[in-house]
Structure formats: structure tokens, C-alpha cells
Amino acid sequence: MKNFRTSLRHSGVLFLLLLIAGFAAPLTAAELKPDSLEDRIARLEAARTTINTGDNAWMLTSTALVLMMTAPGLALFYGGLVRRKNVLATMMHSINQVKGVLFTIILAVVATFIILKVVDALVGLRPPEEEESQGLDLAQHGEKAYHD
């Protein structure tokens, strides 16, 4: 037991020394001077990456995978919190809650679409094409938004 405590103490001291050395190493005089604006802009330009379709496809795929794992994960999690005879009922409660959320989302999307179509038929959602090409400030208010 004594050897274990000694080795534990030595490893703790070694960890602290490495931690101090890790924080002290970057603090040299060359790195303390502030960078010029051009250097910082050059670093930002070099670090800027473009978004490509492969990144977008992977993000959509991984999001879909996480969403597909949510319902079974919740069901298994809540099923593990109850006695054995209530596991199936608890899992079905979770599945029914997910169904309710999906139904609510679908209902909201359909109702919004119907309301927008009714408003578009009665009042119109867009201005007439001539007003839009002329500019809404000039057509509706008689003044220009920007000075020439």
C-alpha cells in the first residue's frame, strides 16, 4: 500500500509539472507581441473553408440517423426505469408520445399551408408585379428609400 501511495504521489507531482510546463511553454516573448491586422486577416483567410456538397450530405445523413435513434432510445431508457412487467407499456407510452409530436408537426404544417392559401386567395401575399419592379417604397409611399 505504501508503494502505491508513493507512486500515486509521484504521478501527481509529474502531472502538475507537465501542466505547468504546458502553460508556460507558449508564453515566450515572441508569442506575446500582438499580431498585425494583416497577419490576422491572412490567418483567417487561410483557415476559411468552403462548404461542399459532401459535408452537407453527411450532416443531413447523420441528423437523420440521430432522429431515427431518438424514439427507440427513449423507449429503452424509460423502459429500464420501471419494473419488468411494465417495460412494454412504458415503451409504448414513449412511442405514442413520438407519434403525437409527429402528428402535431404535420398538423401545424398543413394548417399553415391552408391558411396561407386562403390569405393569398383573399388578400394576396405579394404586391403586383409593376409595384415590385418599381420599388415598394416609391409605389406605396411615393418616396425613394435610397438617395441617388
N, C-alpha and C. Protein backbone atom coordinates (compact mmCIF):
# COMPACT_ATOMS: atom_id res chain seq x y z
N MET A 1 0.82 -1.19 0.00
CA MET A 1 0.00 0.00 0.00
C MET A 1 0.86 1.25 0.00
N LYS A 2 2.01 1.16 0.69
CA LYS A 2 2.90 2.31 0.75
C LYS A 2 3.48 2.62 -0.63
N ASN A 3 3.84 1.58 -1.38
CA ASN A 3 4.39 1.80 -2.72
C ASN A 3 3.35 2.42 -3.64
N PHE A 4 2.08 2.03 -3.47
CA PHE A 4 1.02 2.58 -4.29
C PHE A 4 0.86 4.07 -4.01
N ARG A 5 0.86 4.46 -2.72
CA ARG A 5 0.73 5.87 -2.37
C ARG A 5 1.91 6.68 -2.87
N THR A 6 3.10 6.11 -2.79
CA THR A 6 4.29 6.82 -3.25
C THR A 6 4.22 7.01 -4.77
N SER A 7 3.84 5.97 -5.49
CA SER A 7 3.76 6.10 -6.94
C SER A 7 2.63 7.05 -7.33
N LEU A 8 1.54 7.05 -6.56
CA LEU A 8 0.45 7.97 -6.83
C LEU A 8 0.90 9.41 -6.60
N ARG A 9 1.65 9.65 -5.53
CA ARG A 9 2.15 10.98 -5.23
C ARG A 9 3.11 11.43 -6.32
N HIS A 10 4.00 10.53 -6.77
CA HIS A 10 4.95 10.88 -7.81
C HIS A 10 4.23 11.18 -9.13
N SER A 11 3.21 10.42 -9.44
CA SER A 11 2.48 10.68 -10.68
C SER A 11 1.73 12.00 -10.58
N GLY A 12 1.22 12.36 -9.41
CA GLY A 12 0.55 13.64 -9.23
C GLY A 12 1.51 14.80 -9.40
N VAL A 13 2.71 14.67 -8.84
CA VAL A 13 3.72 15.71 -8.99
C VAL A 13 4.13 15.84 -10.45
N LEU A 14 4.32 14.71 -11.11
CA LEU A 14 4.68 14.72 -12.52
C LEU A 14 3.58 15.38 -13.36
N PHE A 15 2.33 15.10 -13.04
CA PHE A 15 1.22 15.71 -13.76
C PHE A 15 1.22 17.23 -13.58
N LEU A 16 1.44 17.69 -12.36
CA LEU A 16 1.47 19.13 -12.11
C LEU A 16 2.62 19.80 -12.85
N LEU A 17 3.80 19.15 -12.86
CA LEU A 17 4.93 19.72 -13.58
C LEU A 17 4.65 19.80 -15.08
N LEU A 18 4.06 18.76 -15.64
CA LEU A 18 3.72 18.80 -17.06
C LEU A 18 2.66 19.84 -17.35
N LEU A 19 1.71 20.02 -16.44
CA LEU A 19 0.68 21.02 -16.61
C LEU A 19 1.27 22.42 -16.61
N ILE A 20 2.15 22.69 -15.66
CA ILE A 20 2.80 23.99 -15.58
C ILE A 20 3.67 24.23 -16.82
N ALA A 21 4.40 23.21 -17.24
CA ALA A 21 5.25 23.35 -18.43
C ALA A 21 4.40 23.58 -19.67
N GLY A 22 3.26 22.95 -19.74
CA GLY A 22 2.39 23.13 -20.89
C GLY A 22 1.82 24.52 -20.98
N PHE A 23 1.51 25.14 -19.83
CA PHE A 23 1.01 26.50 -19.84
C PHE A 23 2.13 27.51 -20.02
N ALA A 24 3.32 27.23 -19.52
CA ALA A 24 4.42 28.17 -19.58
C ALA A 24 5.11 28.17 -20.94
N ALA A 25 5.08 27.07 -21.66
CA ALA A 25 5.81 26.98 -22.93
C ALA A 25 5.35 28.01 -23.97
N PRO A 26 4.06 28.23 -24.17
CA PRO A 26 3.67 29.19 -25.20
C PRO A 26 3.92 30.64 -24.82
N LEU A 27 4.26 30.91 -23.57
CA LEU A 27 4.40 32.29 -23.11
C LEU A 27 5.81 32.81 -23.34
N THR A 28 6.34 32.65 -24.51
CA THR A 28 7.65 33.22 -24.82
C THR A 28 7.47 34.64 -25.30
N ALA A 29 8.53 35.40 -25.35
CA ALA A 29 8.45 36.81 -25.71
C ALA A 29 7.98 37.00 -27.14
N ALA A 30 8.35 36.08 -28.04
CA ALA A 30 7.94 36.21 -29.43
C ALA A 30 6.44 36.04 -29.60
N GLU A 31 5.84 35.23 -28.78
CA GLU A 31 4.42 34.98 -28.93
C GLU A 31 3.56 35.96 -28.13
N LEU A 32 4.16 36.76 -27.28
CA LEU A 32 3.39 37.73 -26.51
C LEU A 32 3.13 39.01 -27.29
N LYS A 33 3.92 39.30 -28.33
CA LYS A 33 3.69 40.52 -29.09
C LYS A 33 2.43 40.34 -29.93
N PRO A 34 1.63 41.37 -30.03
CA PRO A 34 0.38 41.24 -30.79
C PRO A 34 0.67 41.15 -32.29
N ASP A 35 -0.16 40.38 -32.98
CA ASP A 35 -0.03 40.24 -34.43
C ASP A 35 -0.60 41.48 -35.11
N SER A 36 -0.09 41.76 -36.27
CA SER A 36 -0.63 42.87 -37.03
C SER A 36 -1.97 42.46 -37.62
N LEU A 37 -2.71 43.43 -38.06
CA LEU A 37 -4.02 43.17 -38.63
C LEU A 37 -3.91 42.33 -39.90
N GLU A 38 -2.89 42.60 -40.70
CA GLU A 38 -2.70 41.83 -41.94
C GLU A 38 -2.42 40.37 -41.64
N ASP A 39 -1.60 40.10 -40.59
CA ASP A 39 -1.31 38.71 -40.22
C ASP A 39 -2.57 37.99 -39.77
N ARG A 40 -3.39 38.67 -38.99
CA ARG A 40 -4.62 38.03 -38.51
C ARG A 40 -5.59 37.77 -39.66
N ILE A 41 -5.69 38.71 -40.59
CA ILE A 41 -6.57 38.51 -41.74
C ILE A 41 -6.05 37.37 -42.61
N ALA A 42 -4.73 37.30 -42.78
CA ALA A 42 -4.16 36.21 -43.58
C ALA A 42 -4.44 34.86 -42.93
N ARG A 43 -4.35 34.78 -41.61
CA ARG A 43 -4.66 33.52 -40.91
C ARG A 43 -6.13 33.16 -41.06
N LEU A 44 -7.01 34.17 -40.99
CA LEU A 44 -8.43 33.90 -41.16
C LEU A 44 -8.74 33.42 -42.58
N GLU A 45 -8.13 34.04 -43.57
CA GLU A 45 -8.35 33.62 -44.95
C GLU A 45 -7.84 32.20 -45.18
N ALA A 46 -6.71 31.86 -44.55
CA ALA A 46 -6.17 30.51 -44.71
C ALA A 46 -7.05 29.48 -44.02
N ALA A 47 -7.67 29.87 -42.92
CA ALA A 47 -8.49 28.93 -42.15
C ALA A 47 -9.90 28.78 -42.73
N ARG A 48 -10.31 29.73 -43.54
CA ARG A 48 -11.67 29.68 -44.08
C ARG A 48 -11.80 28.51 -45.04
N THR A 49 -12.84 27.75 -44.85
CA THR A 49 -13.06 26.60 -45.73
C THR A 49 -14.36 26.81 -46.48
N THR A 50 -14.46 26.19 -47.60
CA THR A 50 -15.69 26.28 -48.37
C THR A 50 -16.57 25.09 -48.02
N ILE A 51 -17.85 25.30 -48.08
CA ILE A 51 -18.80 24.24 -47.80
C ILE A 51 -19.03 23.47 -49.10
N ASN A 52 -18.90 22.17 -49.04
CA ASN A 52 -19.14 21.38 -50.24
C ASN A 52 -20.33 20.46 -50.03
N THR A 53 -20.78 19.82 -51.09
CA THR A 53 -21.98 19.01 -51.02
C THR A 53 -21.78 17.75 -50.19
N GLY A 54 -20.54 17.24 -50.14
CA GLY A 54 -20.28 16.07 -49.30
C GLY A 54 -20.50 16.37 -47.84
N ASP A 55 -20.07 17.55 -47.39
CA ASP A 55 -20.30 17.94 -45.99
C ASP A 55 -21.79 18.05 -45.71
N ASN A 56 -22.51 18.69 -46.61
CA ASN A 56 -23.96 18.85 -46.42
C ASN A 56 -24.66 17.50 -46.39
N ALA A 57 -24.27 16.60 -47.29
CA ALA A 57 -24.91 15.28 -47.34
C ALA A 57 -24.64 14.50 -46.06
N TRP A 58 -23.41 14.57 -45.57
CA TRP A 58 -23.10 13.85 -44.34
C TRP A 58 -23.85 14.43 -43.15
N MET A 59 -23.97 15.75 -43.06
CA MET A 59 -24.70 16.36 -41.95
C MET A 59 -26.18 15.96 -41.99
N LEU A 60 -26.77 15.93 -43.17
CA LEU A 60 -28.17 15.51 -43.28
C LEU A 60 -28.34 14.04 -42.92
N THR A 61 -27.39 13.20 -43.37
CA THR A 61 -27.46 11.77 -43.07
C THR A 61 -27.31 11.52 -41.58
N SER A 62 -26.33 12.17 -40.96
CA SER A 62 -26.12 11.94 -39.53
C SER A 62 -27.28 12.48 -38.70
N THR A 63 -27.87 13.60 -39.13
CA THR A 63 -29.05 14.12 -38.43
C THR A 63 -30.21 13.14 -38.53
N ALA A 64 -30.41 12.57 -39.71
CA ALA A 64 -31.48 11.59 -39.87
C ALA A 64 -31.23 10.35 -39.02
N LEU A 65 -29.98 9.90 -38.93
CA LEU A 65 -29.66 8.74 -38.09
C LEU A 65 -29.94 9.03 -36.62
N VAL A 66 -29.58 10.21 -36.16
CA VAL A 66 -29.83 10.57 -34.76
C VAL A 66 -31.33 10.64 -34.50
N LEU A 67 -32.08 11.22 -35.44
CA LEU A 67 -33.54 11.30 -35.26
C LEU A 67 -34.18 9.93 -35.24
N MET A 68 -33.66 9.00 -36.06
CA MET A 68 -34.21 7.64 -36.05
C MET A 68 -33.87 6.89 -34.76
N MET A 69 -32.78 7.26 -34.11
CA MET A 69 -32.41 6.59 -32.85
C MET A 69 -33.14 7.18 -31.65
N THR A 70 -33.78 8.32 -31.80
CA THR A 70 -34.36 9.01 -30.65
C THR A 70 -35.51 8.21 -30.03
N ALA A 71 -36.47 7.79 -30.85
CA ALA A 71 -37.65 7.09 -30.31
C ALA A 71 -37.27 5.77 -29.64
N PRO A 72 -36.50 4.88 -30.27
CA PRO A 72 -36.13 3.65 -29.57
C PRO A 72 -35.26 3.92 -28.34
N GLY A 73 -34.41 4.92 -28.43
CA GLY A 73 -33.57 5.24 -27.28
C GLY A 73 -34.38 5.70 -26.09
N LEU A 74 -35.37 6.56 -26.34
CA LEU A 74 -36.25 7.00 -25.25
C LEU A 74 -37.05 5.84 -24.70
N ALA A 75 -37.54 5.00 -25.59
CA ALA A 75 -38.35 3.86 -25.13
C ALA A 75 -37.51 2.92 -24.27
N LEU A 76 -36.30 2.63 -24.71
CA LEU A 76 -35.45 1.73 -23.93
C LEU A 76 -35.02 2.37 -22.61
N PHE A 77 -34.76 3.70 -22.65
CA PHE A 77 -34.35 4.38 -21.42
C PHE A 77 -35.47 4.36 -20.39
N TYR A 78 -36.67 4.79 -20.81
CA TYR A 78 -37.77 4.81 -19.86
C TYR A 78 -38.22 3.40 -19.50
N GLY A 79 -38.06 2.46 -20.41
CA GLY A 79 -38.40 1.08 -20.10
C GLY A 79 -37.49 0.49 -19.04
N GLY A 80 -36.26 0.98 -18.97
CA GLY A 80 -35.32 0.49 -17.96
C GLY A 80 -35.55 1.08 -16.58
N LEU A 81 -36.42 2.07 -16.48
CA LEU A 81 -36.67 2.72 -15.19
C LEU A 81 -37.84 2.11 -14.42
N VAL A 82 -38.49 1.10 -14.99
CA VAL A 82 -39.67 0.53 -14.34
C VAL A 82 -39.44 -0.96 -14.10
N ARG A 83 -40.41 -1.56 -13.41
CA ARG A 83 -40.30 -3.00 -13.16
C ARG A 83 -40.50 -3.77 -14.45
N ARG A 84 -40.11 -5.01 -14.43
CA ARG A 84 -40.11 -5.84 -15.64
C ARG A 84 -41.50 -5.95 -16.28
N LYS A 85 -42.54 -6.03 -15.47
CA LYS A 85 -43.87 -6.23 -16.05
C LYS A 85 -44.40 -4.96 -16.73
N ASN A 86 -43.81 -3.79 -16.46
CA ASN A 86 -44.30 -2.53 -17.03
C ASN A 86 -43.43 -2.01 -18.18
N VAL A 87 -42.42 -2.78 -18.57
CA VAL A 87 -41.49 -2.29 -19.59
C VAL A 87 -42.20 -2.04 -20.91
N LEU A 88 -42.98 -2.98 -21.37
CA LEU A 88 -43.65 -2.85 -22.67
C LEU A 88 -44.62 -1.68 -22.67
N ALA A 89 -45.37 -1.52 -21.60
CA ALA A 89 -46.32 -0.41 -21.52
C ALA A 89 -45.59 0.93 -21.55
N THR A 90 -44.47 1.01 -20.84
CA THR A 90 -43.70 2.25 -20.81
C THR A 90 -43.09 2.55 -22.18
N MET A 91 -42.61 1.51 -22.86
CA MET A 91 -42.07 1.71 -24.21
C MET A 91 -43.16 2.19 -25.17
N MET A 92 -44.34 1.64 -25.04
CA MET A 92 -45.44 2.06 -25.91
C MET A 92 -45.87 3.50 -25.60
N HIS A 93 -45.78 3.91 -24.34
CA HIS A 93 -46.07 5.30 -23.99
C HIS A 93 -45.11 6.23 -24.73
N SER A 94 -43.82 5.86 -24.74
CA SER A 94 -42.82 6.69 -25.42
C SER A 94 -43.09 6.74 -26.92
N ILE A 95 -43.40 5.60 -27.52
CA ILE A 95 -43.69 5.57 -28.96
C ILE A 95 -44.93 6.40 -29.27
N ASN A 96 -45.95 6.31 -28.42
CA ASN A 96 -47.16 7.10 -28.65
C ASN A 96 -46.90 8.59 -28.49
N GLN A 97 -46.00 8.97 -27.58
CA GLN A 97 -45.64 10.38 -27.45
C GLN A 97 -44.95 10.88 -28.70
N VAL A 98 -44.06 10.08 -29.26
CA VAL A 98 -43.38 10.47 -30.50
C VAL A 98 -44.39 10.59 -31.64
N LYS A 99 -45.35 9.66 -31.69
CA LYS A 99 -46.40 9.75 -32.71
C LYS A 99 -47.19 11.05 -32.53
N GLY A 100 -47.49 11.42 -31.30
CA GLY A 100 -48.22 12.65 -31.04
C GLY A 100 -47.46 13.89 -31.48
N VAL A 101 -46.17 13.90 -31.23
CA VAL A 101 -45.34 15.03 -31.65
C VAL A 101 -45.31 15.12 -33.17
N LEU A 102 -45.13 13.98 -33.85
CA LEU A 102 -45.11 13.99 -35.31
C LEU A 102 -46.46 14.43 -35.88
N PHE A 103 -47.55 13.96 -35.29
CA PHE A 103 -48.88 14.37 -35.74
C PHE A 103 -49.06 15.87 -35.56
N THR A 104 -48.60 16.42 -34.44
CA THR A 104 -48.73 17.85 -34.19
C THR A 104 -47.94 18.66 -35.21
N ILE A 105 -46.74 18.20 -35.55
CA ILE A 105 -45.92 18.89 -36.55
C ILE A 105 -46.61 18.86 -37.91
N ILE A 106 -47.11 17.69 -38.30
CA ILE A 106 -47.80 17.57 -39.59
C ILE A 106 -49.05 18.44 -39.62
N LEU A 107 -49.79 18.45 -38.53
CA LEU A 107 -50.99 19.28 -38.45
C LEU A 107 -50.64 20.76 -38.57
N ALA A 108 -49.57 21.20 -37.91
CA ALA A 108 -49.16 22.60 -37.99
C ALA A 108 -48.74 22.99 -39.40
N VAL A 109 -48.01 22.11 -40.08
CA VAL A 109 -47.57 22.40 -41.45
C VAL A 109 -48.77 22.48 -42.39
N VAL A 110 -49.69 21.52 -42.29
CA VAL A 110 -50.87 21.52 -43.17
C VAL A 110 -51.75 22.73 -42.89
N ALA A 111 -51.98 23.05 -41.61
CA ALA A 111 -52.82 24.20 -41.27
C ALA A 111 -52.18 25.50 -41.76
N THR A 112 -50.87 25.63 -41.62
CA THR A 112 -50.18 26.83 -42.11
C THR A 112 -50.33 26.95 -43.62
N PHE A 113 -50.17 25.84 -44.34
CA PHE A 113 -50.31 25.86 -45.79
C PHE A 113 -51.73 26.28 -46.20
N ILE A 114 -52.73 25.75 -45.51
CA ILE A 114 -54.13 26.09 -45.84
C ILE A 114 -54.40 27.56 -45.55
N ILE A 115 -53.93 28.05 -44.41
CA ILE A 115 -54.15 29.46 -44.06
C ILE A 115 -53.45 30.37 -45.06
N LEU A 116 -52.23 30.04 -45.47
CA LEU A 116 -51.53 30.86 -46.45
C LEU A 116 -52.26 30.87 -47.79
N LYS A 117 -52.81 29.73 -48.21
CA LYS A 117 -53.55 29.69 -49.47
C LYS A 117 -54.83 30.53 -49.39
N VAL A 118 -55.52 30.50 -48.25
CA VAL A 118 -56.73 31.30 -48.07
C VAL A 118 -56.39 32.79 -48.09
N VAL A 119 -55.34 33.17 -47.36
CA VAL A 119 -54.94 34.58 -47.33
C VAL A 119 -54.50 35.03 -48.72
N ASP A 120 -53.78 34.18 -49.45
CA ASP A 120 -53.34 34.52 -50.80
C ASP A 120 -54.53 34.70 -51.73
N ALA A 121 -55.56 33.87 -51.57
CA ALA A 121 -56.75 33.99 -52.42
C ALA A 121 -57.56 35.24 -52.07
N LEU A 122 -57.65 35.60 -50.80
CA LEU A 122 -58.48 36.74 -50.39
C LEU A 122 -57.77 38.07 -50.55
N VAL A 123 -56.55 38.18 -50.04
CA VAL A 123 -55.85 39.46 -50.00
C VAL A 123 -54.66 39.48 -50.95
N GLY A 124 -53.96 38.39 -51.02
CA GLY A 124 -52.74 38.32 -51.82
C GLY A 124 -51.52 38.50 -50.92
N LEU A 125 -50.56 37.67 -51.15
CA LEU A 125 -49.35 37.74 -50.32
C LEU A 125 -48.25 38.59 -50.96
N ARG A 126 -48.32 38.78 -52.27
CA ARG A 126 -47.29 39.55 -52.96
C ARG A 126 -47.91 40.80 -53.55
N PRO A 127 -47.10 41.83 -53.70
CA PRO A 127 -47.61 43.04 -54.37
C PRO A 127 -47.73 42.79 -55.87
N PRO A 128 -48.44 43.63 -56.56
CA PRO A 128 -48.50 43.47 -58.02
C PRO A 128 -47.10 43.60 -58.63
N GLU A 129 -46.93 43.01 -59.80
CA GLU A 129 -45.61 42.94 -60.43
C GLU A 129 -45.07 44.32 -60.77
N GLU A 130 -45.95 45.24 -61.19
CA GLU A 130 -45.49 46.59 -61.54
C GLU A 130 -44.96 47.34 -60.31
N GLU A 131 -45.63 47.18 -59.16
CA GLU A 131 -45.15 47.82 -57.93
C GLU A 131 -43.82 47.20 -57.50
N GLU A 132 -43.71 45.91 -57.66
CA GLU A 132 -42.49 45.23 -57.24
C GLU A 132 -41.30 45.66 -58.09
N SER A 133 -41.51 45.82 -59.39
CA SER A 133 -40.41 46.25 -60.25
C SER A 133 -40.09 47.72 -60.05
N GLN A 134 -41.09 48.54 -59.73
CA GLN A 134 -40.87 49.96 -59.50
C GLN A 134 -40.18 50.19 -58.15
N GLY A 135 -40.47 49.34 -57.20
CA GLY A 135 -39.95 49.51 -55.85
C GLY A 135 -41.10 49.82 -54.92
N LEU A 136 -41.20 49.09 -53.83
CA LEU A 136 -42.37 49.24 -52.96
C LEU A 136 -42.42 50.60 -52.27
N ASP A 137 -41.27 51.18 -51.95
CA ASP A 137 -41.28 52.49 -51.29
C ASP A 137 -41.86 53.56 -52.21
N LEU A 138 -41.44 53.54 -53.46
CA LEU A 138 -41.92 54.53 -54.41
C LEU A 138 -43.37 54.27 -54.78
N ALA A 139 -43.75 53.01 -54.96
CA ALA A 139 -45.10 52.68 -55.39
C ALA A 139 -46.13 52.91 -54.29
N GLN A 140 -45.80 52.56 -53.06
CA GLN A 140 -46.80 52.62 -51.99
C GLN A 140 -46.73 53.93 -51.19
N HIS A 141 -45.52 54.52 -51.10
CA HIS A 141 -45.37 55.70 -50.23
C HIS A 141 -44.98 56.95 -51.01
N GLY A 142 -44.62 56.78 -52.27
CA GLY A 142 -44.28 57.95 -53.07
C GLY A 142 -42.91 58.53 -52.74
N GLU A 143 -42.03 57.78 -52.17
CA GLU A 143 -40.68 58.29 -51.85
C GLU A 143 -39.65 57.20 -52.08
N LYS A 144 -38.41 57.60 -52.29
CA LYS A 144 -37.33 56.65 -52.52
C LYS A 144 -36.69 56.26 -51.20
N ALA A 145 -36.27 55.03 -51.13
CA ALA A 145 -35.63 54.55 -49.90
C ALA A 145 -34.18 55.00 -49.83
N TYR A 146 -33.54 55.13 -50.99
CA TYR A 146 -32.12 55.49 -51.04
C TYR A 146 -31.95 56.74 -51.88
N HIS A 147 -31.10 57.61 -51.43
CA HIS A 147 -30.81 58.81 -52.20
C HIS A 147 -29.82 58.50 -53.28
N ASP A 148 -29.95 59.17 -54.40
CA ASP A 148 -29.02 58.94 -55.51
C ASP A 148 -27.71 59.65 -55.28
